[in-house]
Amino acid sequence: MSELQGAWENLRDEVVRLSPFPESQRLRFHIDEGMSWESVRHLERMRATLALIENVIRQSECPAEVVQGVGMVRANLENVLQAI
């Protein structure tokens, strides 16, 4: 779980660092939602939020670092879900 939390934090840091870019504020909102206590308690909610973030990224021009960060969150989330 700590690696998953770290991946979320790194993703948020990259979005903040590279802002402004199209949809950066929207992404920050959804990233905060993905990191929320409710999402941590209900990982399926986190998975749904991450899918929404991935959809926003596909529909906009996001920096490569953000795309890579989302991939790291996805990989860590899948690892946690497999471990449970």
Protein backbone atom coordinates (compact mmCIF):
# COMPACT_ATOMS: atom_id res chain seq x y z
CA MET A 1 0.00 0.00 0.00
CA SER A 2 2.84 2.40 0.74
CA GLU A 3 4.13 2.06 -2.83
CA LEU A 4 0.64 2.80 -4.14
CA GLN A 5 0.40 5.88 -1.95
CA GLY A 6 3.83 6.99 -3.14
CA ALA A 7 2.80 6.55 -6.77
CA TRP A 8 -0.28 8.75 -6.21
CA GLU A 9 1.84 11.40 -4.49
CA ASN A 10 4.43 11.36 -7.29
CA LEU A 11 1.67 11.70 -9.89
CA ARG A 12 0.16 14.66 -8.07
CA ASP A 13 3.58 16.30 -7.71
CA GLU A 14 4.20 15.96 -11.46
CA VAL A 15 0.82 17.46 -12.35
CA VAL A 16 1.47 20.41 -10.02
CA ARG A 17 5.03 20.87 -11.30
CA LEU A 18 4.03 20.81 -14.97
CA SER A 19 0.88 22.93 -14.61
CA PRO A 20 -0.72 24.65 -16.32
CA PHE A 21 -1.55 22.32 -19.17
CA PRO A 22 -4.95 21.32 -20.58
CA GLU A 23 -7.02 19.54 -17.92
CA SER A 24 -4.37 19.93 -15.20
CA GLN A 25 -6.89 21.29 -12.67
CA ARG A 26 -9.36 18.53 -13.46
CA LEU A 27 -6.63 15.93 -13.07
CA ARG A 28 -5.59 17.36 -9.69
CA PHE A 29 -9.19 17.12 -8.50
CA HIS A 30 -9.47 13.47 -9.53
CA ILE A 31 -6.02 12.60 -8.17
CA ASP A 32 -7.03 14.03 -4.80
CA GLU A 33 -10.19 11.94 -4.98
CA GLY A 34 -8.11 8.84 -5.77
CA MET A 35 -5.91 9.53 -2.75
CA SER A 36 -8.83 10.20 -0.40
CA TRP A 37 -9.57 8.05 2.63
CA GLU A 38 -12.78 6.82 0.99
CA SER A 39 -10.84 5.51 -2.00
CA VAL A 40 -8.20 3.89 0.19
CA ARG A 41 -10.91 2.11 2.16
CA HIS A 42 -12.70 0.99 -1.02
CA LEU A 43 -10.11 0.12 -3.65
CA GLU A 44 -12.77 -0.44 -6.31
CA ARG A 45 -13.61 3.25 -5.97
CA MET A 46 -9.93 4.03 -6.44
CA ARG A 47 -9.89 1.83 -9.54
CA ALA A 48 -12.88 3.73 -10.96
CA THR A 49 -11.25 7.08 -10.24
CA LEU A 50 -8.05 5.94 -11.92
CA ALA A 51 -10.03 4.85 -15.00
CA LEU A 52 -11.56 8.33 -15.12
CA ILE A 53 -8.08 9.90 -14.91
CA GLU A 54 -6.86 7.64 -17.72
CA ASN A 55 -9.83 8.72 -19.83
CA VAL A 56 -9.07 12.42 -19.24
CA ILE A 57 -5.46 11.82 -20.26
CA ARG A 58 -6.47 10.02 -23.46
CA GLN A 59 -8.71 12.92 -24.45
CA SER A 60 -6.22 15.72 -23.77
CA GLU A 61 -2.61 16.65 -24.35
CA CYS A 62 -0.84 15.73 -21.14
CA PRO A 63 2.90 15.74 -20.58
CA ALA A 64 4.64 12.39 -20.91
CA GLU A 65 5.65 12.52 -17.24
CA VAL A 66 1.99 12.59 -16.22
CA VAL A 67 1.13 9.69 -18.50
CA GLN A 68 4.04 7.72 -17.02
CA GLY A 69 2.89 8.59 -13.49
CA VAL A 70 -0.59 7.29 -14.19
CA GLY A 71 0.97 4.07 -15.46
CA MET A 72 2.87 3.71 -12.18
CA VAL A 73 -0.32 4.22 -10.17
CA ARG A 74 -2.10 1.60 -12.33
CA ALA A 75 0.72 -0.93 -11.86
CA ASN A 76 0.84 -0.41 -8.09
CA LEU A 77 -2.94 -0.59 -7.75
CA GLU A 78 -3.06 -3.86 -9.67
CA ASN A 79 -0.28 -5.26 -7.44
CA VAL A 80 -2.25 -4.35 -4.32
CA LEU A 81 -5.46 -5.83 -5.69
CA GLN A 82 -3.66 -9.08 -6.57
CA ALA A 83 -2.15 -9.27 -3.09
CA ILE A 84 -5.53 -8.94 -1.39
